[in-house]
Amino acid sequence: MLQLADLPSNLHASSSDRLPASDELLPLEELERRAIFRALRETGGDKLAAARLLGIGKTTLYRKLKQYEAERQPA
């Protein structure tokens, strides 16, 4: 039986980055955030490749990343 530890580390998704179960409802912003960070993981941090994978422009990706970083900062 395979365990999570048997898989390469780039396949380990944190619970906050995993995609939701088909019956789990999340706000669209949270789905978007998870998709962006998953795309970045899958592309090894290559932002241009992640933007292409997501079907968005690189400017949009940079703006979204800046937004999510600002949300993580204490007020």
PDB file of N, CA and C in Angstrom:
ATOM      1  N   MET A   1       0.843  -1.168   0.000  1.00  0.00           N
ATOM      2  CA  MET A   1       0.000   0.000   0.000  1.00  0.00           C
ATOM      3  C   MET A   1       0.896   1.241   0.000  1.00  0.00           C
ATOM      4  N   LEU A   2       0.582   2.192  -0.844  1.00  0.00           N
ATOM      5  CA  LEU A   2       1.335   3.442  -0.903  1.00  0.00           C
ATOM      6  C   LEU A   2       0.883   4.391   0.188  1.00  0.00           C
ATOM      7  N   GLN A   3       1.832   5.088   0.738  1.00  0.00           N
ATOM      8  CA  GLN A   3       1.565   6.117   1.731  1.00  0.00           C
ATOM      9  C   GLN A   3       1.954   7.458   1.135  1.00  0.00           C
ATOM     10  N   LEU A   4       1.456   8.524   1.703  1.00  0.00           N
ATOM     11  CA  LEU A   4       1.792   9.866   1.235  1.00  0.00           C
ATOM     12  C   LEU A   4       3.308  10.073   1.225  1.00  0.00           C
ATOM     13  N   ALA A   5       3.991   9.556   2.213  1.00  0.00           N
ATOM     14  CA  ALA A   5       5.446   9.710   2.313  1.00  0.00           C
ATOM     15  C   ALA A   5       6.181   9.011   1.166  1.00  0.00           C
ATOM     16  N   ASP A   6       5.524   8.061   0.502  1.00  0.00           N
ATOM     17  CA  ASP A   6       6.145   7.352  -0.619  1.00  0.00           C
ATOM     18  C   ASP A   6       6.170   8.191  -1.901  1.00  0.00           C
ATOM     19  N   LEU A   7       5.373   9.231  -1.941  1.00  0.00           N
ATOM     20  CA  LEU A   7       5.266  10.068  -3.136  1.00  0.00           C
ATOM     21  C   LEU A   7       6.281  11.206  -3.098  1.00  0.00           C
ATOM     22  N   PRO A   8       6.672  11.724  -4.264  1.00  0.00           N
ATOM     23  CA  PRO A   8       7.570  12.885  -4.280  1.00  0.00           C
ATOM     24  C   PRO A   8       6.932  14.067  -3.553  1.00  0.00           C
ATOM     25  N   SER A   9       7.753  14.876  -2.925  1.00  0.00           N
ATOM     26  CA  SER A   9       7.238  15.980  -2.107  1.00  0.00           C
ATOM     27  C   SER A   9       6.410  16.977  -2.905  1.00  0.00           C
ATOM     28  N   ASN A  10       6.691  17.128  -4.225  1.00  0.00           N
ATOM     29  CA  ASN A  10       5.905  18.087  -5.003  1.00  0.00           C
ATOM     30  C   ASN A  10       4.464  17.617  -5.210  1.00  0.00           C
ATOM     31  N   LEU A  11       4.173  16.366  -4.868  1.00  0.00           N
ATOM     32  CA  LEU A  11       2.806  15.866  -4.974  1.00  0.00           C
ATOM     33  C   LEU A  11       2.057  15.948  -3.654  1.00  0.00           C
ATOM     34  N   HIS A  12       2.737  16.353  -2.604  1.00  0.00           N
ATOM     35  CA  HIS A  12       2.093  16.509  -1.305  1.00  0.00           C
ATOM     36  C   HIS A  12       1.377  17.853  -1.301  1.00  0.00           C
ATOM     37  N   ALA A  13       0.089  17.831  -1.270  1.00  0.00           N
ATOM     38  CA  ALA A  13      -0.683  19.075  -1.218  1.00  0.00           C
ATOM     39  C   ALA A  13      -1.096  19.332   0.217  1.00  0.00           C
ATOM     40  N   SER A  14      -0.915  20.556   0.644  1.00  0.00           N
ATOM     41  CA  SER A  14      -1.399  20.890   1.976  1.00  0.00           C
ATOM     42  C   SER A  14      -2.922  20.931   1.917  1.00  0.00           C
ATOM     43  N   SER A  15      -3.555  20.816   3.048  1.00  0.00           N
ATOM     44  CA  SER A  15      -5.014  20.796   3.063  1.00  0.00           C
ATOM     45  C   SER A  15      -5.589  22.095   2.526  1.00  0.00           C
ATOM     46  N   SER A  16      -4.872  23.216   2.668  1.00  0.00           N
ATOM     47  CA  SER A  16      -5.394  24.486   2.166  1.00  0.00           C
ATOM     48  C   SER A  16      -5.208  24.629   0.657  1.00  0.00           C
ATOM     49  N   ASP A  17      -4.320  23.845   0.053  1.00  0.00           N
ATOM     50  CA  ASP A  17      -4.097  23.931  -1.386  1.00  0.00           C
ATOM     51  C   ASP A  17      -4.790  22.831  -2.175  1.00  0.00           C
ATOM     52  N   ARG A  18      -5.318  21.857  -1.482  1.00  0.00           N
ATOM     53  CA  ARG A  18      -5.953  20.761  -2.203  1.00  0.00           C
ATOM     54  C   ARG A  18      -7.239  21.252  -2.857  1.00  0.00           C
ATOM     55  N   LEU A  19      -7.631  20.589  -3.923  1.00  0.00           N
ATOM     56  CA  LEU A  19      -8.901  20.916  -4.548  1.00  0.00           C
ATOM     57  C   LEU A  19     -10.009  20.306  -3.708  1.00  0.00           C
ATOM     58  N   PRO A  20     -11.170  20.959  -3.680  1.00  0.00           N
ATOM     59  CA  PRO A  20     -12.244  20.459  -2.825  1.00  0.00           C
ATOM     60  C   PRO A  20     -12.852  19.168  -3.357  1.00  0.00           C
ATOM     61  N   ALA A  21     -13.451  18.430  -2.452  1.00  0.00           N
ATOM     62  CA  ALA A  21     -14.225  17.257  -2.863  1.00  0.00           C
ATOM     63  C   ALA A  21     -15.390  17.746  -3.710  1.00  0.00           C
ATOM     64  N   SER A  22     -15.909  16.895  -4.544  1.00  0.00           N
ATOM     65  CA  SER A  22     -16.949  17.318  -5.480  1.00  0.00           C
ATOM     66  C   SER A  22     -18.186  17.888  -4.782  1.00  0.00           C
ATOM     67  N   ASP A  23     -18.441  17.495  -3.543  1.00  0.00           N
ATOM     68  CA  ASP A  23     -19.617  18.014  -2.848  1.00  0.00           C
ATOM     69  C   ASP A  23     -19.284  19.142  -1.870  1.00  0.00           C
ATOM     70  N   GLU A  24     -18.027  19.554  -1.840  1.00  0.00           N
ATOM     71  CA  GLU A  24     -17.604  20.619  -0.928  1.00  0.00           C
ATOM     72  C   GLU A  24     -17.767  21.972  -1.614  1.00  0.00           C
ATOM     73  N   LEU A  25     -18.462  22.887  -0.974  1.00  0.00           N
ATOM     74  CA  LEU A  25     -18.659  24.225  -1.522  1.00  0.00           C
ATOM     75  C   LEU A  25     -17.678  25.190  -0.877  1.00  0.00           C
ATOM     76  N   LEU A  26     -17.014  25.963  -1.726  1.00  0.00           N
ATOM     77  CA  LEU A  26     -16.076  26.975  -1.262  1.00  0.00           C
ATOM     78  C   LEU A  26     -16.346  28.262  -2.026  1.00  0.00           C
ATOM     79  N   PRO A  27     -16.005  29.398  -1.434  1.00  0.00           N
ATOM     80  CA  PRO A  27     -16.125  30.651  -2.179  1.00  0.00           C
ATOM     81  C   PRO A  27     -15.230  30.608  -3.420  1.00  0.00           C
ATOM     82  N   LEU A  28     -15.650  31.261  -4.492  1.00  0.00           N
ATOM     83  CA  LEU A  28     -14.874  31.267  -5.730  1.00  0.00           C
ATOM     84  C   LEU A  28     -13.466  31.795  -5.522  1.00  0.00           C
ATOM     85  N   GLU A  29     -13.319  32.802  -4.671  1.00  0.00           N
ATOM     86  CA  GLU A  29     -11.987  33.356  -4.417  1.00  0.00           C
ATOM     87  C   GLU A  29     -11.052  32.301  -3.831  1.00  0.00           C
ATOM     88  N   GLU A  30     -11.574  31.456  -2.943  1.00  0.00           N
ATOM     89  CA  GLU A  30     -10.753  30.403  -2.353  1.00  0.00           C
ATOM     90  C   GLU A  30     -10.401  29.342  -3.390  1.00  0.00           C
ATOM     91  N   LEU A  31     -11.345  28.987  -4.244  1.00  0.00           N
ATOM     92  CA  LEU A  31     -11.063  28.036  -5.328  1.00  0.00           C
ATOM     93  C   LEU A  31      -9.984  28.583  -6.250  1.00  0.00           C
ATOM     94  N   GLU A  32     -10.089  29.866  -6.557  1.00  0.00           N
ATOM     95  CA  GLU A  32      -9.100  30.511  -7.422  1.00  0.00           C
ATOM     96  C   GLU A  32      -7.714  30.493  -6.773  1.00  0.00           C
ATOM     97  N   ARG A  33      -7.662  30.840  -5.498  1.00  0.00           N
ATOM     98  CA  ARG A  33      -6.386  30.872  -4.777  1.00  0.00           C
ATOM     99  C   ARG A  33      -5.740  29.484  -4.788  1.00  0.00           C
ATOM    100  N   ARG A  34      -6.518  28.468  -4.496  1.00  0.00           N
ATOM    101  CA  ARG A  34      -5.988  27.104  -4.478  1.00  0.00           C
ATOM    102  C   ARG A  34      -5.500  26.687  -5.865  1.00  0.00           C
ATOM    103  N   ALA A  35      -6.256  27.032  -6.898  1.00  0.00           N
ATOM    104  CA  ALA A  35      -5.865  26.668  -8.263  1.00  0.00           C
ATOM    105  C   ALA A  35      -4.554  27.353  -8.642  1.00  0.00           C
ATOM    106  N   ILE A  36      -4.396  28.608  -8.265  1.00  0.00           N
ATOM    107  CA  ILE A  36      -3.171  29.342  -8.582  1.00  0.00           C
ATOM    108  C   ILE A  36      -1.970  28.709  -7.888  1.00  0.00           C
ATOM    109  N   PHE A  37      -2.090  28.429  -6.605  1.00  0.00           N
ATOM    110  CA  PHE A  37      -0.949  27.859  -5.888  1.00  0.00           C
ATOM    111  C   PHE A  37      -0.649  26.432  -6.338  1.00  0.00           C
ATOM    112  N   ARG A  38      -1.673  25.709  -6.724  1.00  0.00           N
ATOM    113  CA  ARG A  38      -1.430  24.363  -7.256  1.00  0.00           C
ATOM    114  C   ARG A  38      -0.717  24.444  -8.602  1.00  0.00           C
ATOM    115  N   ALA A  39      -1.134  25.376  -9.454  1.00  0.00           N
ATOM    116  CA  ALA A  39      -0.476  25.551 -10.755  1.00  0.00           C
ATOM    117  C   ALA A  39       0.980  25.942 -10.564  1.00  0.00           C
ATOM    118  N   LEU A  40       1.262  26.790  -9.597  1.00  0.00           N
ATOM    119  CA  LEU A  40       2.647  27.178  -9.319  1.00  0.00           C
ATOM    120  C   LEU A  40       3.463  25.984  -8.846  1.00  0.00           C
ATOM    121  N   ARG A  41       2.870  25.151  -8.003  1.00  0.00           N
ATOM    122  CA  ARG A  41       3.568  23.943  -7.553  1.00  0.00           C
ATOM    123  C   ARG A  41       3.847  23.023  -8.734  1.00  0.00           C
ATOM    124  N   GLU A  42       2.853  22.828  -9.578  1.00  0.00           N
ATOM    125  CA  GLU A  42       2.981  21.897 -10.711  1.00  0.00           C
ATOM    126  C   GLU A  42       4.008  22.382 -11.738  1.00  0.00           C
ATOM    127  N   THR A  43       4.221  23.695 -11.806  1.00  0.00           N
ATOM    128  CA  THR A  43       5.167  24.245 -12.772  1.00  0.00           C
ATOM    129  C   THR A  43       6.498  24.597 -12.120  1.00  0.00           C
ATOM    130  N   GLY A  44       6.700  24.154 -10.899  1.00  0.00           N
ATOM    131  CA  GLY A  44       7.958  24.419 -10.209  1.00  0.00           C
ATOM    132  C   GLY A  44       8.185  25.896  -9.931  1.00  0.00           C
ATOM    133  N   GLY A  45       7.099  26.657  -9.774  1.00  0.00           N
ATOM    134  CA  GLY A  45       7.210  28.080  -9.475  1.00  0.00           C
ATOM    135  C   GLY A  45       7.313  28.966 -10.699  1.00  0.00           C
ATOM    136  N   ASP A  46       7.252  28.385 -11.884  1.00  0.00           N
ATOM    137  CA  ASP A  46       7.336  29.168 -13.127  1.00  0.00           C
ATOM    138  C   ASP A  46       6.009  29.898 -13.328  1.00  0.00           C
ATOM    139  N   LYS A  47       6.008  31.197 -13.065  1.00  0.00           N
ATOM    140  CA  LYS A  47       4.770  31.974 -13.091  1.00  0.00           C
ATOM    141  C   LYS A  47       4.170  32.080 -14.490  1.00  0.00           C
ATOM    142  N   LEU A  48       5.006  32.220 -15.501  1.00  0.00           N
ATOM    143  CA  LEU A  48       4.488  32.296 -16.864  1.00  0.00           C
ATOM    144  C   LEU A  48       3.824  30.980 -17.259  1.00  0.00           C
ATOM    145  N   ALA A  49       4.464  29.858 -16.929  1.00  0.00           N
ATOM    146  CA  ALA A  49       3.885  28.551 -17.233  1.00  0.00           C
ATOM    147  C   ALA A  49       2.597  28.336 -16.434  1.00  0.00           C
ATOM    148  N   ALA A  50       2.569  28.781 -15.185  1.00  0.00           N
ATOM    149  CA  ALA A  50       1.365  28.644 -14.357  1.00  0.00           C
ATOM    150  C   ALA A  50       0.221  29.457 -14.949  1.00  0.00           C
ATOM    151  N   ALA A  51       0.521  30.667 -15.392  1.00  0.00           N
ATOM    152  CA  ALA A  51      -0.515  31.504 -16.011  1.00  0.00           C
ATOM    153  C   ALA A  51      -1.066  30.822 -17.258  1.00  0.00           C
ATOM    154  N   ARG A  52      -0.179  30.270 -18.071  1.00  0.00           N
ATOM    155  CA  ARG A  52      -0.629  29.551 -19.272  1.00  0.00           C
ATOM    156  C   ARG A  52      -1.496  28.354 -18.903  1.00  0.00           C
ATOM    157  N   LEU A  53      -1.068  27.603 -17.898  1.00  0.00           N
ATOM    158  CA  LEU A  53      -1.814  26.433 -17.448  1.00  0.00           C
ATOM    159  C   LEU A  53      -3.218  26.819 -16.992  1.00  0.00           C
ATOM    160  N   LEU A  54      -3.320  27.959 -16.333  1.00  0.00           N
ATOM    161  CA  LEU A  54      -4.607  28.436 -15.824  1.00  0.00           C
ATOM    162  C   LEU A  54      -5.440  29.156 -16.879  1.00  0.00           C
ATOM    163  N   GLY A  55      -4.814  29.504 -17.997  1.00  0.00           N
ATOM    164  CA  GLY A  55      -5.533  30.225 -19.049  1.00  0.00           C
ATOM    165  C   GLY A  55      -5.754  31.688 -18.721  1.00  0.00           C
ATOM    166  N   ILE A  56      -4.814  32.268 -17.971  1.00  0.00           N
ATOM    167  CA  ILE A  56      -4.894  33.692 -17.627  1.00  0.00           C
ATOM    168  C   ILE A  56      -3.600  34.370 -18.039  1.00  0.00           C
ATOM    169  N   GLY A  57      -3.627  35.682 -18.103  1.00  0.00           N
ATOM    170  CA  GLY A  57      -2.432  36.440 -18.438  1.00  0.00           C
ATOM    171  C   GLY A  57      -1.479  36.517 -17.261  1.00  0.00           C
ATOM    172  N   LYS A  58      -0.204  36.724 -17.559  1.00  0.00           N
ATOM    173  CA  LYS A  58       0.780  36.798 -16.470  1.00  0.00           C
ATOM    174  C   LYS A  58       0.518  37.999 -15.567  1.00  0.00           C
ATOM    175  N   THR A  59       0.004  39.088 -16.139  1.00  0.00           N
ATOM    176  CA  THR A  59      -0.313  40.265 -15.331  1.00  0.00           C
ATOM    177  C   THR A  59      -1.408  39.942 -14.326  1.00  0.00           C
ATOM    178  N   THR A  60      -2.395  39.191 -14.761  1.00  0.00           N
ATOM    179  CA  THR A  60      -3.473  38.772 -13.865  1.00  0.00           C
ATOM    180  C   THR A  60      -2.925  37.895 -12.748  1.00  0.00           C
ATOM    181  N   LEU A  61      -2.053  36.969 -13.098  1.00  0.00           N
ATOM    182  CA  LEU A  61      -1.462  36.098 -12.089  1.00  0.00           C
ATOM    183  C   LEU A  61      -0.674  36.908 -11.066  1.00  0.00           C
ATOM    184  N   TYR A  62       0.150  37.834 -11.522  1.00  0.00           N
ATOM    185  CA  TYR A  62       0.930  38.657 -10.602  1.00  0.00           C
ATOM    186  C   TYR A  62       0.018  39.479  -9.697  1.00  0.00           C
ATOM    187  N   ARG A  63      -1.073  40.033 -10.259  1.00  0.00           N
ATOM    188  CA  ARG A  63      -2.007  40.832  -9.469  1.00  0.00           C
ATOM    189  C   ARG A  63      -2.676  39.967  -8.399  1.00  0.00           C
ATOM    190  N   LYS A  64      -3.073  38.761  -8.775  1.00  0.00           N
ATOM    191  CA  LYS A  64      -3.719  37.855  -7.823  1.00  0.00           C
ATOM    192  C   LYS A  64      -2.746  37.446  -6.714  1.00  0.00           C
ATOM    193  N   LEU A  65      -1.506  37.147  -7.076  1.00  0.00           N
ATOM    194  CA  LEU A  65      -0.511  36.773  -6.066  1.00  0.00           C
ATOM    195  C   LEU A  65      -0.273  37.917  -5.089  1.00  0.00           C
ATOM    196  N   LYS A  66      -0.216  39.127  -5.612  1.00  0.00           N
ATOM    197  CA  LYS A  66      -0.034  40.305  -4.751  1.00  0.00           C
ATOM    198  C   LYS A  66      -1.229  40.455  -3.809  1.00  0.00           C
ATOM    199  N   GLN A  67      -2.424  40.231  -4.318  1.00  0.00           N
ATOM    200  CA  GLN A  67      -3.644  40.305  -3.521  1.00  0.00           C
ATOM    201  C   GLN A  67      -3.621  39.267  -2.396  1.00  0.00           C
ATOM    202  N   TYR A  68      -3.279  38.041  -2.726  1.00  0.00           N
ATOM    203  CA  TYR A  68      -3.273  36.986  -1.717  1.00  0.00           C
ATOM    204  C   TYR A  68      -2.185  37.225  -0.672  1.00  0.00           C
ATOM    205  N   GLU A  69      -1.062  37.760  -1.081  1.00  0.00           N
ATOM    206  CA  GLU A  69       0.009  38.083  -0.133  1.00  0.00           C
ATOM    207  C   GLU A  69      -0.431  39.183   0.813  1.00  0.00           C
ATOM    208  N   ALA A  70      -1.138  40.190   0.288  1.00  0.00           N
ATOM    209  CA  ALA A  70      -1.631  41.293   1.125  1.00  0.00           C
ATOM    210  C   ALA A  70      -2.654  40.782   2.135  1.00  0.00           C
ATOM    211  N   GLU A  71      -3.475  39.808   1.735  1.00  0.00           N
ATOM    212  CA  GLU A  71      -4.480  39.248   2.628  1.00  0.00           C
ATOM    213  C   GLU A  71      -3.838  38.471   3.775  1.00  0.00           C
ATOM    214  N   ARG A  72      -2.637  37.948   3.561  1.00  0.00           N
ATOM    215  CA  ARG A  72      -1.963  37.165   4.592  1.00  0.00           C
ATOM    216  C   ARG A  72      -1.239  38.047   5.607  1.00  0.00           C
ATOM    217  N   GLN A  73      -1.005  39.316   5.256  1.00  0.00           N
ATOM    218  CA  GLN A  73      -0.300  40.239   6.131  1.00  0.00           C
ATOM    219  C   GLN A  73      -1.231  40.740   7.233  1.00  0.00           C
ATOM    220  N   PRO A  74      -0.754  40.815   8.461  1.00  0.00           N
ATOM    221  CA  PRO A  74      -1.592  41.365   9.538  1.00  0.00           C
ATOM    222  C   PRO A  74      -1.859  42.840   9.293  1.00  0.00           C
ATOM    223  N   ALA A  75      -3.041  43.276   9.664  1.00  0.00           N
ATOM    224  CA  ALA A  75      -3.443  44.679   9.436  1.00  0.00           C
ATOM    225  C   ALA A  75      -2.860  45.611  10.465  1.00  0.00           C
TER     226      ALA A  75
END
